[in-house]
């Protein structure tokens, strides 16, 4: 699928139709990198592995593909030119590391396709499915590495132009990296959403994007800005093909989907965290504050009925979470008209034939 050409919104609709109506997004990257031995106690967080452990990133991408993910998100969430330069890298080297994040994800997709086609033993139960690569762009707060993407408080000292200047080159590099999408993630405030929209339009970016906000009260984004106003900003941009929520407790998601539906007809994506609370001072997740994989997956049908059609997980979710989501979506039939149900079943049949 040539996702970077033609009408972006039509291409997203075609992709969703091709995968059967609902797509599976991958789960927590840093969670799995740490589970595989990576030490991420670093301002670069998961982007540190771009420097020293790219093989671990590739492995985690493959684990999520084998679990059923249709979209894998690159390791560039906390990768910024400014952050790499602070570690002694040149501007050119920093840009190369950004491109590397997309290259690793694309390589993982190629390996997955090849092994499915050749029927390697470790893929004998894995069916080939459509996969897109989304280049992650975290907020300015993620670069600060002080947890402020969970508060948006930096916006009080930040102007629209400063935000645009901070993000501009990273957006340009990742838009030309070979990724199918740009994922603007964990957007904490209205100002940063506006900055992203203006950058996409000023740069005439051809790569489609999604906007994903985060909330800690189930009503507003974390800064206190209105979610409806933020979603409206995203909806105004033709280059934005999906709007939604990430890194937010599962219990808030249904209401947030319904709020977003009030201002957009674009596909809605959601990839919540496990529900655990992040302690920004200690830089760690508070244990025993989240939900189990089984409880997380039990929400999936509710989220679909509320209007979400791209579903995955964020921090503290794992391939087991994504495997559970994939199983639910494979058997999910929307509660719609008879005509819609027939069309959905036809899509499922076509998907099984394509695989």
Protein backbone atom coordinates (compact mmCIF):
# COMPACT_ATOMS: atom_id res chain seq x y z
CA UNK A 1 0.00 0.00 0.00
CA UNK A 2 1.48 3.34 -1.09
CA UNK A 3 0.39 5.24 1.99
CA UNK A 4 2.28 8.41 1.21
CA UNK A 5 0.50 9.24 -2.07
CA UNK A 6 -3.06 10.19 -2.96
CA UNK A 7 -5.76 11.39 -0.57
CA UNK A 8 -4.49 10.57 2.97
CA UNK A 9 -7.94 10.12 4.49
CA UNK A 10 -9.05 7.81 1.68
CA UNK A 11 -5.88 5.76 2.11
CA UNK A 12 -6.56 5.32 5.82
CA UNK A 13 -10.11 4.18 5.06
CA UNK A 14 -8.74 1.71 2.49
CA UNK A 15 -6.23 0.39 5.02
CA UNK A 16 -8.93 -0.14 7.64
CA UNK A 17 -11.12 -1.90 5.08
CA UNK A 18 -8.19 -4.13 4.10
CA UNK A 19 -7.58 -5.24 7.70
CA UNK A 20 -11.24 -5.96 8.33
CA UNK A 21 -12.50 -2.69 9.78
CA UNK A 22 -10.34 -2.45 12.91
CA UNK A 23 -6.53 -2.26 13.07
CA UNK A 24 -4.22 -3.40 15.86
CA UNK A 25 -1.54 -0.97 17.08
CA UNK A 26 1.46 -2.37 18.93
CA UNK A 27 2.13 -2.03 22.66
CA UNK A 28 4.72 -0.57 25.03
CA UNK A 29 8.17 -0.35 23.46
CA UNK A 30 10.20 0.71 26.50
CA UNK A 31 8.43 -1.89 28.64
CA UNK A 32 9.63 -4.66 26.36
CA UNK A 33 13.10 -3.21 25.83
CA UNK A 34 13.60 -3.30 29.58
CA UNK A 35 12.19 -6.83 29.72
CA UNK A 36 14.87 -7.78 27.19
CA UNK A 37 17.66 -6.31 29.30
CA UNK A 38 17.93 -2.67 28.18
CA UNK A 39 18.80 -0.01 30.78
CA UNK A 40 16.62 2.99 29.91
CA UNK A 41 17.46 5.18 32.90
CA UNK A 42 18.57 7.91 30.54
CA UNK A 43 17.17 11.23 29.22
CA UNK A 44 16.90 9.59 25.79
CA UNK A 45 14.79 6.75 27.27
CA UNK A 46 14.00 4.15 24.58
CA UNK A 47 15.89 6.21 21.97
CA UNK A 48 19.09 5.27 23.81
CA UNK A 49 18.83 1.86 22.13
CA UNK A 50 19.21 3.52 18.73
CA UNK A 51 22.79 4.20 19.76
CA UNK A 52 23.72 0.97 21.47
CA UNK A 53 21.10 -1.78 21.12
CA UNK A 54 19.24 -1.53 17.83
CA UNK A 55 18.90 -5.33 17.72
CA UNK A 56 16.65 -5.16 20.78
CA UNK A 57 14.36 -2.64 19.08
CA UNK A 58 14.07 -4.92 16.06
CA UNK A 59 13.26 -7.88 18.30
CA UNK A 60 10.49 -6.01 20.11
CA UNK A 61 8.96 -4.89 16.79
CA UNK A 62 8.96 -8.53 15.64
CA UNK A 63 7.39 -9.68 18.89
CA UNK A 64 4.50 -7.28 18.33
CA UNK A 65 4.11 -8.28 14.69
CA UNK A 66 3.90 -11.92 15.70
CA UNK A 67 1.28 -10.92 18.28
CA UNK A 68 -0.90 -9.49 15.50
CA UNK A 69 -0.03 -5.78 15.27
CA UNK A 70 -0.96 -4.03 12.04
CA UNK A 71 0.93 -0.87 13.01
CA UNK A 72 4.32 -0.72 14.69
CA UNK A 73 5.56 2.57 16.15
CA UNK A 74 9.22 3.55 15.84
CA UNK A 75 11.63 4.11 18.72
CA UNK A 76 11.83 7.87 18.06
CA UNK A 77 9.37 9.07 20.73
CA UNK A 78 12.13 10.63 22.82
CA UNK A 79 14.63 10.92 19.97
CA UNK A 80 15.31 14.55 19.13
CA UNK A 81 18.12 16.29 17.31
CA UNK A 82 18.64 18.50 20.36
CA UNK A 83 18.79 15.49 22.67
CA UNK A 84 21.35 13.66 20.54
CA UNK A 85 23.44 16.81 20.13
CA UNK A 86 23.59 17.14 23.92
CA UNK A 87 25.29 13.72 23.89
CA UNK A 88 27.98 14.92 21.49
CA UNK A 89 26.46 13.86 18.17
CA UNK A 90 26.55 16.23 15.21
CA UNK A 91 23.36 17.45 13.57
CA UNK A 92 23.97 15.05 10.67
CA UNK A 93 24.53 12.11 13.02
CA UNK A 94 21.42 13.02 15.00
CA UNK A 95 19.30 13.05 11.86
CA UNK A 96 20.78 9.69 10.86
CA UNK A 97 19.68 8.23 14.21
CA UNK A 98 16.15 9.50 13.59
CA UNK A 99 16.11 7.79 10.19
CA UNK A 100 17.51 4.67 11.79
CA UNK A 101 14.41 4.34 13.97
CA UNK A 102 12.24 4.03 10.87
CA UNK A 103 14.75 1.78 9.11
CA UNK A 104 14.74 -0.68 12.01
CA UNK A 105 10.93 -0.86 12.00
CA UNK A 106 10.83 -1.33 8.23
CA UNK A 107 13.47 -4.05 8.50
CA UNK A 108 11.39 -5.82 11.13
CA UNK A 109 8.37 -5.69 8.83
CA UNK A 110 10.43 -7.11 5.95
CA UNK A 111 11.73 -9.93 8.15
CA UNK A 112 8.20 -10.70 9.33
CA UNK A 113 6.87 -10.84 5.77
CA UNK A 114 9.76 -13.00 4.61
CA UNK A 115 9.52 -15.47 7.46
CA UNK A 116 5.75 -15.75 7.09
CA UNK A 117 6.15 -16.43 3.37
CA UNK A 118 8.89 -19.00 3.86
CA UNK A 119 7.10 -20.68 6.75
CA UNK A 120 9.99 -20.57 9.18
CA UNK A 121 9.40 -22.80 12.18
CA UNK A 122 9.01 -19.94 14.62
CA UNK A 123 6.28 -18.44 12.44
CA UNK A 124 4.34 -21.60 11.65
CA UNK A 125 1.29 -20.30 13.50
CA UNK A 126 1.63 -16.69 12.38
CA UNK A 127 -0.33 -15.46 9.38
CA UNK A 128 0.91 -12.64 7.23
CA UNK A 129 -1.05 -9.42 7.65
CA UNK A 130 -0.83 -5.84 6.44
CA UNK A 131 1.66 -3.76 8.44
CA UNK A 132 2.26 -0.01 8.53
CA UNK A 133 5.17 1.77 10.21
CA UNK A 134 4.37 4.91 12.22
CA UNK A 135 7.22 7.30 13.02
CA UNK A 136 6.79 8.47 16.60
CA UNK A 137 7.15 12.11 17.59
CA UNK A 138 6.92 12.81 21.29
CA UNK A 139 6.10 16.19 22.75
CA UNK A 140 8.56 18.86 23.88
CA UNK A 141 7.89 17.58 27.40
CA UNK A 142 9.23 14.15 26.42
CA UNK A 143 12.51 15.80 25.37
CA UNK A 144 12.73 17.49 28.76
CA UNK A 145 12.65 13.98 30.33
CA UNK A 146 11.05 15.31 33.49
CA UNK A 147 7.58 13.84 33.09
CA UNK A 148 6.09 17.10 31.85
CA UNK A 149 4.43 15.37 28.90
CA UNK A 150 2.06 14.18 31.63
CA UNK A 151 1.29 17.73 32.72
CA UNK A 152 1.91 20.04 29.75
CA UNK A 153 3.11 22.66 32.22
CA UNK A 154 6.02 23.76 30.05
CA UNK A 155 3.53 25.43 27.72
CA UNK A 156 3.33 28.37 30.14
CA UNK A 157 6.86 29.37 29.15
CA UNK A 158 6.70 28.15 25.58
CA UNK A 159 5.44 30.00 22.51
CA UNK A 160 3.96 28.60 19.33
CA UNK A 161 6.97 29.63 17.26
CA UNK A 162 9.45 28.11 19.73
CA UNK A 163 7.60 24.81 19.60
CA UNK A 164 7.55 24.85 15.81
CA UNK A 165 11.26 25.60 15.66
CA UNK A 166 11.98 22.80 18.12
CA UNK A 167 10.03 20.18 16.16
CA UNK A 168 10.50 21.37 12.57
CA UNK A 169 13.57 19.47 11.45
CA UNK A 170 12.60 16.27 13.26
CA UNK A 171 9.23 16.28 11.47
CA UNK A 172 10.96 16.84 8.13
CA UNK A 173 13.43 14.01 8.68
CA UNK A 174 10.87 11.46 9.87
CA UNK A 175 8.45 12.42 7.08
CA UNK A 176 11.12 11.35 4.58
CA UNK A 177 12.34 8.33 6.56
CA UNK A 178 10.31 5.65 4.78
CA UNK A 179 7.64 5.40 7.49
CA UNK A 180 4.03 5.21 6.32
CA UNK A 181 2.68 7.55 8.99
CA UNK A 182 3.80 10.15 11.51
CA UNK A 183 2.46 9.49 15.01
CA UNK A 184 2.30 12.65 17.09
CA UNK A 185 1.95 11.03 20.49
CA UNK A 186 1.06 11.97 24.06
CA UNK A 187 0.19 15.55 23.06
CA UNK A 188 -0.40 17.33 26.38
CA UNK A 189 -1.83 20.69 25.36
CA UNK A 190 -3.57 22.73 22.70
CA UNK A 191 -0.51 24.83 21.87
CA UNK A 192 1.57 21.85 20.78
CA UNK A 193 -1.29 20.46 18.70
CA UNK A 194 -1.50 23.80 16.88
CA UNK A 195 2.26 23.80 16.34
CA UNK A 196 2.10 20.34 14.74
CA UNK A 197 -0.75 21.34 12.43
CA UNK A 198 1.07 24.44 11.26
CA UNK A 199 4.28 22.49 10.65
CA UNK A 200 2.47 19.87 8.57
CA UNK A 201 0.86 22.58 6.46
CA UNK A 202 3.89 24.87 6.16
CA UNK A 203 6.14 21.98 5.15
CA UNK A 204 3.45 20.52 2.87
CA UNK A 205 4.22 17.18 4.47
CA UNK A 206 3.14 14.29 2.25
CA UNK A 207 3.31 11.59 4.92
CA UNK A 208 -0.07 11.29 6.69
CA UNK A 209 -0.20 11.82 10.45
CA UNK A 210 -2.21 10.90 13.48
CA UNK A 211 -2.66 13.01 16.61
CA UNK A 212 -2.91 11.28 19.96
CA UNK A 213 -3.57 13.16 23.20
CA UNK A 214 -3.34 12.05 26.82
CA UNK A 215 -5.69 12.68 29.74
CA UNK A 216 -5.57 12.17 33.48
CA UNK A 217 -9.17 13.06 34.34
CA UNK A 218 -11.15 11.51 31.48
CA UNK A 219 -12.39 14.92 30.32
CA UNK A 220 -9.51 17.21 29.34
CA UNK A 221 -5.96 16.69 28.13
CA UNK A 222 -3.36 16.61 30.89
CA UNK A 223 -2.67 20.36 30.78
CA UNK A 224 -6.34 21.08 31.50
CA UNK A 225 -7.03 22.21 27.93
CA UNK A 226 -10.31 20.99 26.47
CA UNK A 227 -9.95 17.67 24.65
CA UNK A 228 -12.73 18.73 22.29
CA UNK A 229 -10.79 21.89 21.35
CA UNK A 230 -7.60 19.88 20.85
CA UNK A 231 -9.37 17.29 18.70
CA UNK A 232 -10.94 20.10 16.67
CA UNK A 233 -7.49 21.49 15.89
CA UNK A 234 -6.40 18.06 14.67
CA UNK A 235 -9.60 17.61 12.67
CA UNK A 236 -8.98 20.89 10.83
CA UNK A 237 -5.83 19.50 9.16
CA UNK A 238 -6.35 17.40 6.03
CA UNK A 239 -2.99 15.71 6.58
CA UNK A 240 -4.26 14.20 9.85
CA UNK A 241 -5.90 10.82 9.13
CA UNK A 242 -6.79 9.69 12.66
CA UNK A 243 -7.27 11.28 16.08
CA UNK A 244 -7.25 9.72 19.50
CA UNK A 245 -5.82 9.01 22.92
CA UNK A 246 -2.73 7.24 24.23
CA UNK A 247 -0.94 6.68 27.55
CA UNK A 248 -4.18 7.17 29.50
CA UNK A 249 -5.82 4.75 31.98
CA UNK A 250 -8.27 2.31 30.34
CA UNK A 251 -11.15 3.40 32.59
CA UNK A 252 -11.23 6.84 30.90
CA UNK A 253 -11.10 5.72 27.28
CA UNK A 254 -14.78 5.14 26.45
CA UNK A 255 -15.80 8.64 27.51
CA UNK A 256 -12.88 10.22 25.70
CA UNK A 257 -13.80 8.41 22.46
CA UNK A 258 -17.33 9.76 22.71
CA UNK A 259 -15.97 13.29 23.23
CA UNK A 260 -13.72 13.08 20.18
CA UNK A 261 -16.60 11.76 18.06
CA UNK A 262 -18.44 15.04 18.66
CA UNK A 263 -15.92 16.97 16.55
CA UNK A 264 -14.55 14.56 13.95
CA UNK A 265 -15.55 11.90 11.48
CA UNK A 266 -11.98 10.73 11.09
CA UNK A 267 -11.00 7.30 12.43
CA UNK A 268 -10.43 7.26 16.18
CA UNK A 269 -7.39 5.51 17.62
CA UNK A 270 -6.74 4.55 21.21
CA UNK A 271 -3.78 2.90 22.86
CA UNK A 272 -4.05 3.27 26.63
CA UNK A 273 -1.41 2.44 29.18
CA UNK A 274 -1.96 -0.33 31.72
CA UNK A 275 -3.60 2.10 34.13
CA UNK A 276 -0.54 2.32 36.34
CA UNK A 277 0.51 5.73 37.65
CA UNK A 278 3.84 7.27 36.62
CA UNK A 279 5.91 8.93 39.35
CA UNK A 280 7.77 11.73 37.52
CA UNK A 281 10.12 12.41 40.43
CA UNK A 282 11.25 8.80 40.81
CA UNK A 283 10.93 8.22 37.04
CA UNK A 284 9.14 4.93 37.55
CA UNK A 285 5.70 3.38 37.32
CA UNK A 286 3.91 2.74 40.61
CA UNK A 287 3.30 -0.98 40.97
CA UNK A 288 -0.14 -2.47 41.60
CA UNK A 289 -2.04 0.54 40.25
CA UNK A 290 -2.98 -0.90 36.86
CA UNK A 291 -5.10 -3.61 35.31
CA UNK A 292 -4.24 -7.13 34.14
CA UNK A 293 -3.96 -8.04 30.46
CA UNK A 294 -7.29 -9.84 30.76
CA UNK A 295 -9.03 -6.80 32.22
CA UNK A 296 -7.44 -4.53 29.60
CA UNK A 297 -8.60 -6.74 26.74
CA UNK A 298 -12.11 -6.92 28.21
CA UNK A 299 -12.53 -3.23 27.35
CA UNK A 300 -11.85 -3.72 23.63
CA UNK A 301 -15.42 -4.43 22.51
CA UNK A 302 -16.66 -1.44 24.51
CA UNK A 303 -14.11 0.81 22.83
CA UNK A 304 -15.08 -0.51 19.41
CA UNK A 305 -18.75 0.12 20.08
CA UNK A 306 -17.89 3.65 21.25
CA UNK A 307 -16.25 4.32 17.89
CA UNK A 308 -12.55 3.36 18.01
CA UNK A 309 -11.15 1.50 15.01
CA UNK A 310 -7.41 1.50 15.73
CA UNK A 311 -6.62 -0.09 19.09
CA UNK A 312 -3.39 -0.99 20.86
CA UNK A 313 -1.47 -0.39 24.05
CA UNK A 314 1.03 2.10 25.43
CA UNK A 315 3.28 2.02 28.50
CA UNK A 316 3.33 -1.21 30.50
CA UNK A 317 1.42 -3.21 27.91
CA UNK A 318 3.10 -6.19 26.27
CA UNK A 319 2.83 -8.56 23.28
CA UNK A 320 0.40 -10.62 25.38
CA UNK A 321 -1.86 -7.56 25.59
CA UNK A 322 -1.68 -7.04 21.84
CA UNK A 323 -2.28 -10.73 21.17
CA UNK A 324 -5.46 -10.51 23.23
CA UNK A 325 -6.62 -7.38 21.40
CA UNK A 326 -5.95 -9.03 18.05
CA UNK A 327 -8.03 -12.08 18.98
CA UNK A 328 -10.96 -9.91 20.05
CA UNK A 329 -10.85 -7.82 16.87
CA UNK A 330 -10.63 -10.89 14.62
CA UNK A 331 -14.03 -12.00 15.92
CA UNK A 332 -15.60 -8.59 16.47
CA UNK A 333 -18.74 -7.70 14.51
CA UNK A 334 -20.00 -4.14 15.06
CA UNK A 335 -23.42 -3.58 16.54
CA UNK A 336 -24.72 -1.88 13.39
CA UNK A 337 -27.27 -2.45 10.66
CA UNK A 338 -27.67 -5.80 8.90
CA UNK A 339 -26.12 -4.31 5.77
CA UNK A 340 -23.08 -3.12 7.74
CA UNK A 341 -22.70 -6.51 9.40
CA UNK A 342 -22.77 -8.28 6.03
CA UNK A 343 -20.14 -5.86 4.69
CA UNK A 344 -17.98 -6.47 7.75
CA UNK A 345 -18.17 -10.26 7.33
CA UNK A 346 -17.18 -9.87 3.66
CA UNK A 347 -14.16 -7.80 4.81
CA UNK A 348 -13.18 -10.57 7.23
CA UNK A 349 -13.42 -13.16 4.45
CA UNK A 350 -11.32 -11.02 2.12
CA UNK A 351 -8.76 -10.55 4.87
CA UNK A 352 -8.48 -14.30 5.43
CA UNK A 353 -8.06 -14.89 1.68
CA UNK A 354 -5.37 -12.17 1.45
CA UNK A 355 -3.46 -13.76 4.32
